[in-house]
Amino acid sequence: MNTKTESEHLDNLDSLLNERDAADLLGLSDRTLQKWRVCGGGPVFIKIGGKSVRYQRRDLIVWINARKQANTSDIAPANAA
């Protein structure tokens, strides 16, 4: 049985994902993330160098969790897209 240690789990949360992997994790298209980076409303991202964009796995999970709703009458977060 292969179990992850707490340290390995935290390292995974801190890992950086490229745009495609972040989009896959969120179930979205690359284009949606690109639009949100310009217009706002999406998860925070890290810009590396001139064009490289990365997303920290931890930030994506926080962003997802902030959008949980119990019903359609719940008030959505202010920056929801």
C-alpha atoms as a PDB file:
ATOM      1  CA  MET A   1       0.000   0.000   0.000  1.00  0.00           C
ATOM      2  CA  ASN A   2       1.498   3.326  -1.092  1.00  0.00           C
ATOM      3  CA  THR A   3       0.388   6.220   1.093  1.00  0.00           C
ATOM      4  CA  LYS A   4       1.463   9.816   0.757  1.00  0.00           C
ATOM      5  CA  THR A   5       3.062  11.488   3.700  1.00  0.00           C
ATOM      6  CA  GLU A   6       1.699  14.823   4.868  1.00  0.00           C
ATOM      7  CA  SER A   7       4.788  16.510   3.419  1.00  0.00           C
ATOM      8  CA  GLU A   8       4.204  14.943  -0.012  1.00  0.00           C
ATOM      9  CA  HIS A   9       0.558  16.023   0.096  1.00  0.00           C
ATOM     10  CA  LEU A  10       1.534  19.629   0.901  1.00  0.00           C
ATOM     11  CA  ASP A  11       4.158  19.593  -1.861  1.00  0.00           C
ATOM     12  CA  ASN A  12       1.429  18.521  -4.284  1.00  0.00           C
ATOM     13  CA  LEU A  13      -0.769  21.447  -3.176  1.00  0.00           C
ATOM     14  CA  ASP A  14       2.099  23.859  -3.796  1.00  0.00           C
ATOM     15  CA  SER A  15       2.881  22.463  -7.249  1.00  0.00           C
ATOM     16  CA  LEU A  16       2.464  24.727 -10.249  1.00  0.00           C
ATOM     17  CA  LEU A  17       0.168  23.729 -13.094  1.00  0.00           C
ATOM     18  CA  ASN A  18       0.322  25.027 -16.631  1.00  0.00           C
ATOM     19  CA  GLU A  19      -2.795  26.484 -18.213  1.00  0.00           C
ATOM     20  CA  ARG A  20      -3.928  23.184 -19.782  1.00  0.00           C
ATOM     21  CA  ASP A  21      -3.584  21.219 -16.542  1.00  0.00           C
ATOM     22  CA  ALA A  22      -5.336  23.956 -14.544  1.00  0.00           C
ATOM     23  CA  ALA A  23      -8.180  24.026 -17.069  1.00  0.00           C
ATOM     24  CA  ASP A  24      -8.473  20.225 -16.873  1.00  0.00           C
ATOM     25  CA  LEU A  25      -8.601  20.336 -13.074  1.00  0.00           C
ATOM     26  CA  LEU A  26     -11.407  22.922 -13.229  1.00  0.00           C
ATOM     27  CA  GLY A  27     -13.240  21.203 -16.093  1.00  0.00           C
ATOM     28  CA  LEU A  28     -12.882  24.306 -18.272  1.00  0.00           C
ATOM     29  CA  SER A  29     -11.241  25.249 -21.536  1.00  0.00           C
ATOM     30  CA  ASP A  30      -7.886  26.998 -21.835  1.00  0.00           C
ATOM     31  CA  ARG A  31      -9.738  29.848 -23.508  1.00  0.00           C
ATOM     32  CA  THR A  32     -11.973  30.395 -20.471  1.00  0.00           C
ATOM     33  CA  LEU A  33      -8.929  30.801 -18.223  1.00  0.00           C
ATOM     34  CA  GLN A  34      -7.377  33.184 -20.756  1.00  0.00           C
ATOM     35  CA  LYS A  35     -10.548  35.300 -20.811  1.00  0.00           C
ATOM     36  CA  TRP A  36     -10.744  35.392 -17.017  1.00  0.00           C
ATOM     37  CA  ARG A  37      -7.112  36.558 -16.794  1.00  0.00           C
ATOM     38  CA  VAL A  38      -8.040  39.549 -18.946  1.00  0.00           C
ATOM     39  CA  CYS A  39     -11.541  40.287 -17.628  1.00  0.00           C
ATOM     40  CA  GLY A  40     -11.208  39.040 -14.057  1.00  0.00           C
ATOM     41  CA  GLY A  41     -13.322  36.574 -12.150  1.00  0.00           C
ATOM     42  CA  GLY A  42     -11.032  33.578 -12.382  1.00  0.00           C
ATOM     43  CA  PRO A  43      -8.519  32.050 -10.008  1.00  0.00           C
ATOM     44  CA  VAL A  44      -5.301  33.861  -9.169  1.00  0.00           C
ATOM     45  CA  PHE A  45      -2.346  32.993 -11.377  1.00  0.00           C
ATOM     46  CA  ILE A  46       1.408  33.408 -11.480  1.00  0.00           C
ATOM     47  CA  LYS A  47       3.135  35.060 -14.426  1.00  0.00           C
ATOM     48  CA  ILE A  48       6.635  33.740 -15.042  1.00  0.00           C
ATOM     49  CA  GLY A  49       8.774  35.566 -17.547  1.00  0.00           C
ATOM     50  CA  GLY A  50       7.068  37.209 -20.488  1.00  0.00           C
ATOM     51  CA  LYS A  51       4.357  34.718 -21.425  1.00  0.00           C
ATOM     52  CA  SER A  52       4.381  31.727 -19.077  1.00  0.00           C
ATOM     53  CA  VAL A  53       1.351  31.460 -16.808  1.00  0.00           C
ATOM     54  CA  ARG A  54       1.060  28.988 -13.960  1.00  0.00           C
ATOM     55  CA  TYR A  55      -1.597  28.201 -11.392  1.00  0.00           C
ATOM     56  CA  GLN A  56      -0.823  26.871  -7.933  1.00  0.00           C
ATOM     57  CA  ARG A  57      -2.919  23.785  -7.217  1.00  0.00           C
ATOM     58  CA  ARG A  58      -3.736  25.123  -3.729  1.00  0.00           C
ATOM     59  CA  ASP A  59      -5.136  28.376  -5.211  1.00  0.00           C
ATOM     60  CA  LEU A  60      -7.354  26.452  -7.621  1.00  0.00           C
ATOM     61  CA  ILE A  61      -8.779  24.358  -4.786  1.00  0.00           C
ATOM     62  CA  VAL A  62      -9.434  27.475  -2.678  1.00  0.00           C
ATOM     63  CA  TRP A  63     -11.128  29.128  -5.676  1.00  0.00           C
ATOM     64  CA  ILE A  64     -13.315  26.058  -6.254  1.00  0.00           C
ATOM     65  CA  ASN A  65     -14.279  25.804  -2.582  1.00  0.00           C
ATOM     66  CA  ALA A  66     -15.233  29.497  -2.466  1.00  0.00           C
ATOM     67  CA  ARG A  67     -17.888  28.770  -5.106  1.00  0.00           C
ATOM     68  CA  LYS A  68     -19.699  25.978  -3.300  1.00  0.00           C
ATOM     69  CA  GLN A  69     -23.400  26.643  -2.939  1.00  0.00           C
ATOM     70  CA  ALA A  70     -26.152  24.720  -1.167  1.00  0.00           C
ATOM     71  CA  ASN A  71     -28.862  25.987  -3.518  1.00  0.00           C
ATOM     72  CA  THR A  72     -29.438  28.432  -6.359  1.00  0.00           C
ATOM     73  CA  SER A  73     -30.562  31.149  -3.938  1.00  0.00           C
ATOM     74  CA  ASP A  74     -27.123  31.361  -2.323  1.00  0.00           C
ATOM     75  CA  ILE A  75     -25.253  34.556  -3.091  1.00  0.00           C
ATOM     76  CA  ALA A  76     -22.352  33.861  -5.424  1.00  0.00           C
ATOM     77  CA  PRO A  77     -18.889  35.291  -4.682  1.00  0.00           C
ATOM     78  CA  ALA A  78     -18.378  38.862  -5.898  1.00  0.00           C
ATOM     79  CA  ASN A  79     -15.857  37.872  -8.561  1.00  0.00           C
ATOM     80  CA  ALA A  80     -17.724  34.849  -9.884  1.00  0.00           C
ATOM     81  CA  ALA A  81     -17.587  34.531 -13.622  1.00  0.00           C
END
